[in-house]
């Protein structure tokens, strides 16, 4: 089973149904529910997701979605070491540096999925857009 790390924007696309981006994000979560892929999301993403969801719904509704998310995806810890590496990195976007270093800390991530691929140019992990990830999974899961 492939193991993928989702950047925060992909999770928000899915949970907030941000069109047109939600289509491929939903396909990734569907693959997870079918047992074809294991999704990892950094712990730090949860507060960012909550903040965005709260702009359009109640706190209770946002918490309910986050609870459902925690069942569909593994929560990857963000440690002191990850923060230090992110602070020392040459990423222009600090949040992306945290996402990247969090993904690196996991032993078997096959790729990171993000819509902000330009921010991950120096990545040692493969970086795919949601469309590319779905295409890859469709072509390699048979």
Protein backbone atom coordinates (compact mmCIF):
# COMPACT_ATOMS: atom_id res chain seq x y z
CA UNK A 1 0.00 0.00 0.00
CA UNK A 2 1.29 3.43 -0.95
CA UNK A 3 1.78 5.96 1.81
CA UNK A 4 1.23 9.61 0.96
CA UNK A 5 1.58 12.84 2.88
CA UNK A 6 -1.03 15.53 2.25
CA UNK A 7 -0.24 19.21 2.48
CA UNK A 8 -2.81 21.22 4.41
CA UNK A 9 -4.30 22.79 1.27
CA UNK A 10 -5.41 19.39 -0.04
CA UNK A 11 -7.20 18.52 3.19
CA UNK A 12 -8.95 21.90 3.27
CA UNK A 13 -9.98 21.44 -0.38
CA UNK A 14 -11.62 18.17 0.62
CA UNK A 15 -13.27 19.19 3.90
CA UNK A 16 -14.41 22.65 2.75
CA UNK A 17 -15.41 21.32 -0.69
CA UNK A 18 -13.39 24.02 -2.44
CA UNK A 19 -14.29 23.63 -6.09
CA UNK A 20 -12.72 22.70 -8.47
CA UNK A 21 -9.93 21.38 -6.21
CA UNK A 22 -12.14 19.18 -4.04
CA UNK A 23 -12.71 16.61 -6.80
CA UNK A 24 -9.18 15.15 -6.76
CA UNK A 25 -8.78 15.63 -3.02
CA UNK A 26 -11.95 13.57 -2.48
CA UNK A 27 -10.61 10.85 -4.80
CA UNK A 28 -7.48 10.59 -2.63
CA UNK A 29 -9.56 10.16 0.52
CA UNK A 30 -11.74 7.62 -1.26
CA UNK A 31 -8.63 5.58 -2.08
CA UNK A 32 -7.75 5.71 1.62
CA UNK A 33 -11.21 4.47 2.60
CA UNK A 34 -10.84 1.64 0.06
CA UNK A 35 -7.51 0.66 1.62
CA UNK A 36 -5.48 1.48 -1.50
CA UNK A 37 -3.43 4.25 0.08
CA UNK A 38 -2.49 5.36 3.58
CA UNK A 39 -2.73 9.11 4.16
CA UNK A 40 -0.60 11.06 6.62
CA UNK A 41 -1.33 14.62 7.74
CA UNK A 42 0.85 16.65 10.06
CA UNK A 43 -0.50 17.48 13.49
CA UNK A 44 0.14 21.17 12.82
CA UNK A 45 -2.32 21.04 9.92
CA UNK A 46 -5.22 20.47 12.27
CA UNK A 47 -5.17 23.97 13.74
CA UNK A 48 -4.88 25.53 10.27
CA UNK A 49 -7.75 23.40 8.97
CA UNK A 50 -9.88 24.31 11.98
CA UNK A 51 -9.19 28.02 11.43
CA UNK A 52 -10.32 27.85 7.79
CA UNK A 53 -13.37 25.68 8.48
CA UNK A 54 -14.51 28.03 11.26
CA UNK A 55 -14.88 30.81 8.73
CA UNK A 56 -17.86 29.01 7.20
CA UNK A 57 -19.26 26.79 9.96
CA UNK A 58 -19.69 26.36 13.68
CA UNK A 59 -16.94 25.19 15.98
CA UNK A 60 -18.87 21.99 16.66
CA UNK A 61 -19.20 21.25 12.93
CA UNK A 62 -15.48 21.92 12.35
CA UNK A 63 -14.50 19.66 15.27
CA UNK A 64 -16.79 16.91 13.93
CA UNK A 65 -15.02 17.08 10.55
CA UNK A 66 -11.59 16.98 12.23
CA UNK A 67 -12.66 13.91 14.21
CA UNK A 68 -13.76 12.21 10.98
CA UNK A 69 -10.45 13.21 9.39
CA UNK A 70 -8.51 11.59 12.23
CA UNK A 71 -10.19 8.28 11.35
CA UNK A 72 -9.36 8.53 7.62
CA UNK A 73 -5.73 9.62 8.01
CA UNK A 74 -2.76 9.11 10.27
CA UNK A 75 -1.65 12.13 12.30
CA UNK A 76 2.08 12.72 11.98
CA UNK A 77 3.73 14.29 15.01
CA UNK A 78 5.50 17.61 14.66
CA UNK A 79 8.50 17.50 16.97
CA UNK A 80 11.05 19.98 18.21
CA UNK A 81 13.54 18.52 15.73
CA UNK A 82 11.13 19.07 12.82
CA UNK A 83 10.61 22.70 13.87
CA UNK A 84 14.38 23.27 14.17
CA UNK A 85 15.04 21.75 10.75
CA UNK A 86 12.24 23.88 9.30
CA UNK A 87 13.68 27.05 10.84
CA UNK A 88 17.07 26.23 9.34
CA UNK A 89 15.74 25.29 5.91
CA UNK A 90 15.77 27.48 2.83
CA UNK A 91 12.02 27.14 2.28
CA UNK A 92 10.41 30.48 1.57
CA UNK A 93 7.18 29.35 3.27
CA UNK A 94 7.70 28.23 6.88
CA UNK A 95 4.50 26.19 6.97
CA UNK A 96 5.64 24.25 3.89
CA UNK A 97 9.01 23.68 5.55
CA UNK A 98 7.21 22.10 8.50
CA UNK A 99 5.11 19.94 6.19
CA UNK A 100 8.19 18.80 4.27
CA UNK A 101 10.26 17.99 7.35
CA UNK A 102 7.32 16.22 8.92
CA UNK A 103 6.95 14.05 5.81
CA UNK A 104 10.70 13.36 5.82
CA UNK A 105 10.49 12.15 9.41
CA UNK A 106 8.14 9.36 8.35
CA UNK A 107 9.93 6.29 7.09
CA UNK A 108 7.86 5.20 4.11
CA UNK A 109 6.26 8.20 2.45
CA UNK A 110 6.03 7.63 -1.30
CA UNK A 111 5.20 11.24 -2.16
CA UNK A 112 3.83 14.54 -0.90
CA UNK A 113 0.62 15.84 -2.45
CA UNK A 114 0.21 19.61 -2.67
CA UNK A 115 -1.10 22.30 -4.98
CA UNK A 116 1.93 24.44 -4.05
CA UNK A 117 4.53 22.37 -5.89
CA UNK A 118 6.76 25.41 -6.53
CA UNK A 119 7.44 25.65 -2.78
CA UNK A 120 8.90 22.13 -2.72
CA UNK A 121 11.42 22.41 -5.59
CA UNK A 122 14.37 21.15 -3.51
CA UNK A 123 12.49 18.19 -2.07
CA UNK A 124 14.17 14.81 -1.90
CA UNK A 125 10.67 13.27 -1.89
CA UNK A 126 8.47 13.17 -4.97
CA UNK A 127 6.00 16.05 -5.08
CA UNK A 128 2.72 15.52 -6.93
CA UNK A 129 -0.36 17.62 -7.51
CA UNK A 130 -3.64 15.95 -6.54
CA UNK A 131 -4.36 15.22 -10.21
CA UNK A 132 -0.93 13.62 -10.65
CA UNK A 133 -1.34 11.59 -7.46
CA UNK A 134 -4.75 10.26 -8.52
CA UNK A 135 -3.37 9.42 -11.96
CA UNK A 136 -0.40 7.64 -10.42
CA UNK A 137 -2.63 5.67 -8.05
CA UNK A 138 -5.01 4.71 -10.85
CA UNK A 139 -2.15 3.50 -13.06
CA UNK A 140 -0.30 1.62 -10.30
CA UNK A 141 -3.03 0.04 -8.20
CA UNK A 142 -4.05 -2.66 -10.64
